[in-house]
Amino acid sequence: MSIDTFFTAIKDGTWHNINELSNQLATSTTKLVELSNFLANYGLIKYEKNNQTIKIQPLWKLTLPKEEEPKKTTPNIANLIISPHSTINIQSTKISNLSNIEIEVIIRVDDQIREVAINV
């Protein structure tokens, strides 16, 4: 169990039973109790020892990043041939060929230049 998995499981701000949470996270209740004691000492969670329940502190619930679906973008790809001793400008980026031979430049672009590969 990672700390990310733990906080994802309790991020809703409701009370969670230690036994149920240990089954959900596939970890021992002993480890979960130790982690809960540690995090409660630093004010990250509330831990009720009597009824073995925990919940995230309201302050931390607000600051956890929201899960976003990854952007699906298809980057544009360009193959360019740059003549010897010449320069091209792409998105305010200069690419110069200082050699005596032509070079092939492969560029991957979405919002900005992500990758430039040179094939000689």
C-alpha atoms as a PDB file:
ATOM      1  CA  MET A   1       0.000   0.000   0.000  1.00  0.00           C
ATOM      2  CA  SER A   2       1.337   3.413  -0.922  1.00  0.00           C
ATOM      3  CA  ILE A   3       0.534   6.652   0.890  1.00  0.00           C
ATOM      4  CA  ASP A   4      -1.179   7.846  -2.300  1.00  0.00           C
ATOM      5  CA  THR A   5      -3.483   4.821  -2.240  1.00  0.00           C
ATOM      6  CA  PHE A   6      -4.232   5.444   1.434  1.00  0.00           C
ATOM      7  CA  PHE A   7      -5.164   9.115   0.938  1.00  0.00           C
ATOM      8  CA  THR A   8      -7.189   8.297  -2.183  1.00  0.00           C
ATOM      9  CA  ALA A   9      -9.240   5.834  -0.119  1.00  0.00           C
ATOM     10  CA  ILE A  10     -10.053   8.396   2.605  1.00  0.00           C
ATOM     11  CA  LYS A  11     -10.186  11.617   0.579  1.00  0.00           C
ATOM     12  CA  ASP A  12     -13.999  11.839   0.730  1.00  0.00           C
ATOM     13  CA  GLY A  13     -13.774  13.154   4.311  1.00  0.00           C
ATOM     14  CA  THR A  14     -16.088  10.543   5.860  1.00  0.00           C
ATOM     15  CA  TRP A  15     -15.239   8.147   8.686  1.00  0.00           C
ATOM     16  CA  HIS A  16     -13.639   4.879   7.575  1.00  0.00           C
ATOM     17  CA  ASN A  17     -13.448   1.703   9.640  1.00  0.00           C
ATOM     18  CA  ILE A  18      -9.862   0.448  10.023  1.00  0.00           C
ATOM     19  CA  ASN A  19     -10.831  -3.208   9.401  1.00  0.00           C
ATOM     20  CA  GLU A  20     -12.786  -2.407   6.248  1.00  0.00           C
ATOM     21  CA  LEU A  21     -10.050  -0.081   5.032  1.00  0.00           C
ATOM     22  CA  SER A  22      -7.357  -2.712   5.606  1.00  0.00           C
ATOM     23  CA  ASN A  23      -9.341  -5.142   3.422  1.00  0.00           C
ATOM     24  CA  GLN A  24      -9.849  -2.470   0.760  1.00  0.00           C
ATOM     25  CA  LEU A  25      -6.154  -1.552   0.722  1.00  0.00           C
ATOM     26  CA  ALA A  26      -4.919  -5.151   1.107  1.00  0.00           C
ATOM     27  CA  THR A  27      -2.790  -4.320   4.124  1.00  0.00           C
ATOM     28  CA  SER A  28      -2.754  -5.493   7.717  1.00  0.00           C
ATOM     29  CA  THR A  29      -4.779  -3.682  10.356  1.00  0.00           C
ATOM     30  CA  THR A  30      -1.604  -3.417  12.435  1.00  0.00           C
ATOM     31  CA  LYS A  31       0.158  -1.410   9.727  1.00  0.00           C
ATOM     32  CA  LEU A  32      -2.925   0.715   9.196  1.00  0.00           C
ATOM     33  CA  VAL A  33      -3.191   1.464  12.932  1.00  0.00           C
ATOM     34  CA  GLU A  34       0.507   2.438  13.040  1.00  0.00           C
ATOM     35  CA  LEU A  35       0.100   4.695  10.005  1.00  0.00           C
ATOM     36  CA  SER A  36      -3.072   6.204  11.453  1.00  0.00           C
ATOM     37  CA  ASN A  37      -1.369   6.980  14.771  1.00  0.00           C
ATOM     38  CA  PHE A  38       1.543   8.600  12.944  1.00  0.00           C
ATOM     39  CA  LEU A  39      -0.632  10.726  10.657  1.00  0.00           C
ATOM     40  CA  ALA A  40      -2.960  11.708  13.507  1.00  0.00           C
ATOM     41  CA  ASN A  41       0.027  12.934  15.550  1.00  0.00           C
ATOM     42  CA  TYR A  42       0.841  15.357  12.723  1.00  0.00           C
ATOM     43  CA  GLY A  43      -2.758  16.469  12.265  1.00  0.00           C
ATOM     44  CA  LEU A  44      -3.249  14.975   8.812  1.00  0.00           C
ATOM     45  CA  ILE A  45      -6.090  12.681   9.848  1.00  0.00           C
ATOM     46  CA  LYS A  46      -8.453  12.163  12.785  1.00  0.00           C
ATOM     47  CA  TYR A  47      -8.165   8.761  14.423  1.00  0.00           C
ATOM     48  CA  GLU A  48     -10.777   7.456  16.867  1.00  0.00           C
ATOM     49  CA  LYS A  49      -8.998   4.645  18.716  1.00  0.00           C
ATOM     50  CA  ASN A  50     -12.123   3.529  20.599  1.00  0.00           C
ATOM     51  CA  ASN A  51     -14.153   2.657  17.512  1.00  0.00           C
ATOM     52  CA  GLN A  52     -11.149   2.152  15.168  1.00  0.00           C
ATOM     53  CA  THR A  53     -12.188   4.745  12.584  1.00  0.00           C
ATOM     54  CA  ILE A  54     -10.262   7.409  10.705  1.00  0.00           C
ATOM     55  CA  LYS A  55     -10.989  10.335   8.452  1.00  0.00           C
ATOM     56  CA  ILE A  56      -8.929  12.950   6.709  1.00  0.00           C
ATOM     57  CA  GLN A  57      -8.748  16.358   8.341  1.00  0.00           C
ATOM     58  CA  PRO A  58     -11.006  18.855   6.515  1.00  0.00           C
ATOM     59  CA  LEU A  59      -8.041  21.131   5.726  1.00  0.00           C
ATOM     60  CA  TRP A  60      -6.214  18.342   3.895  1.00  0.00           C
ATOM     61  CA  LYS A  61      -9.348  17.233   2.042  1.00  0.00           C
ATOM     62  CA  LEU A  62      -9.458  20.661   0.403  1.00  0.00           C
ATOM     63  CA  THR A  63      -5.799  20.638  -0.606  1.00  0.00           C
ATOM     64  CA  LEU A  64      -5.612  17.167  -2.169  1.00  0.00           C
ATOM     65  CA  PRO A  65      -5.371  17.456  -5.943  1.00  0.00           C
ATOM     66  CA  LYS A  66      -8.469  16.467  -7.845  1.00  0.00           C
ATOM     67  CA  GLU A  67      -8.110  13.531 -10.150  1.00  0.00           C
ATOM     68  CA  GLU A  68      -8.253  14.626 -13.736  1.00  0.00           C
ATOM     69  CA  GLU A  69      -8.511  12.510 -16.792  1.00  0.00           C
ATOM     70  CA  PRO A  70      -5.312  12.714 -18.793  1.00  0.00           C
ATOM     71  CA  LYS A  71      -5.533  14.883 -21.867  1.00  0.00           C
ATOM     72  CA  LYS A  72      -5.617  12.830 -25.011  1.00  0.00           C
ATOM     73  CA  THR A  73      -3.679  14.782 -27.566  1.00  0.00           C
ATOM     74  CA  THR A  74      -2.199  13.609 -30.760  1.00  0.00           C
ATOM     75  CA  PRO A  75       0.997  15.535 -31.306  1.00  0.00           C
ATOM     76  CA  ASN A  76       1.839  16.830 -34.734  1.00  0.00           C
ATOM     77  CA  ILE A  77       4.973  15.449 -36.253  1.00  0.00           C
ATOM     78  CA  ALA A  78       7.083  17.257 -38.846  1.00  0.00           C
ATOM     79  CA  ASN A  79      10.078  16.033 -40.791  1.00  0.00           C
ATOM     80  CA  LEU A  80      12.242  18.805 -42.195  1.00  0.00           C
ATOM     81  CA  ILE A  81      15.433  18.826 -44.204  1.00  0.00           C
ATOM     82  CA  ILE A  82      17.741  21.685 -43.231  1.00  0.00           C
ATOM     83  CA  SER A  83      20.352  22.706 -45.785  1.00  0.00           C
ATOM     84  CA  PRO A  84      23.983  23.138 -44.737  1.00  0.00           C
ATOM     85  CA  HIS A  85      24.740  26.397 -42.925  1.00  0.00           C
ATOM     86  CA  SER A  86      21.098  27.473 -42.606  1.00  0.00           C
ATOM     87  CA  THR A  87      18.622  28.132 -39.798  1.00  0.00           C
ATOM     88  CA  ILE A  88      14.877  27.643 -39.382  1.00  0.00           C
ATOM     89  CA  ASN A  89      12.532  29.093 -36.734  1.00  0.00           C
ATOM     90  CA  ILE A  90       9.704  27.048 -35.238  1.00  0.00           C
ATOM     91  CA  GLN A  91       7.640  28.434 -32.338  1.00  0.00           C
ATOM     92  CA  SER A  92      10.362  30.946 -31.501  1.00  0.00           C
ATOM     93  CA  THR A  93      12.937  28.159 -31.461  1.00  0.00           C
ATOM     94  CA  LYS A  94      15.899  28.415 -33.814  1.00  0.00           C
ATOM     95  CA  ILE A  95      17.275  25.211 -35.263  1.00  0.00           C
ATOM     96  CA  SER A  96      20.576  25.696 -37.079  1.00  0.00           C
ATOM     97  CA  ASN A  97      22.526  23.335 -39.269  1.00  0.00           C
ATOM     98  CA  LEU A  98      26.159  24.306 -38.827  1.00  0.00           C
ATOM     99  CA  SER A  99      27.450  21.280 -40.713  1.00  0.00           C
ATOM    100  CA  ASN A 100      28.427  20.860 -44.366  1.00  0.00           C
ATOM    101  CA  ILE A 101      25.703  18.276 -45.052  1.00  0.00           C
ATOM    102  CA  GLU A 102      21.901  18.299 -45.091  1.00  0.00           C
ATOM    103  CA  ILE A 103      20.260  17.113 -41.899  1.00  0.00           C
ATOM    104  CA  GLU A 104      16.797  15.732 -41.287  1.00  0.00           C
ATOM    105  CA  VAL A 105      14.970  17.168 -38.258  1.00  0.00           C
ATOM    106  CA  ILE A 106      11.952  15.390 -36.790  1.00  0.00           C
ATOM    107  CA  ILE A 107       9.738  17.546 -34.556  1.00  0.00           C
ATOM    108  CA  ARG A 108       6.902  16.499 -32.251  1.00  0.00           C
ATOM    109  CA  VAL A 109       4.530  19.350 -31.302  1.00  0.00           C
ATOM    110  CA  ASP A 110       1.319  19.709 -29.285  1.00  0.00           C
ATOM    111  CA  ASP A 111       0.994  23.003 -27.359  1.00  0.00           C
ATOM    112  CA  GLN A 112       4.727  23.555 -27.637  1.00  0.00           C
ATOM    113  CA  ILE A 113       7.742  21.773 -29.043  1.00  0.00           C
ATOM    114  CA  ARG A 114       8.101  18.541 -27.091  1.00  0.00           C
ATOM    115  CA  GLU A 115      10.847  16.713 -28.938  1.00  0.00           C
ATOM    116  CA  VAL A 116      13.445  17.426 -31.595  1.00  0.00           C
ATOM    117  CA  ALA A 117      15.405  14.587 -33.163  1.00  0.00           C
ATOM    118  CA  ILE A 118      18.202  15.054 -35.678  1.00  0.00           C
ATOM    119  CA  ASN A 119      19.068  12.366 -38.179  1.00  0.00           C
ATOM    120  CA  VAL A 120      22.362  12.778 -40.029  1.00  0.00           C
END
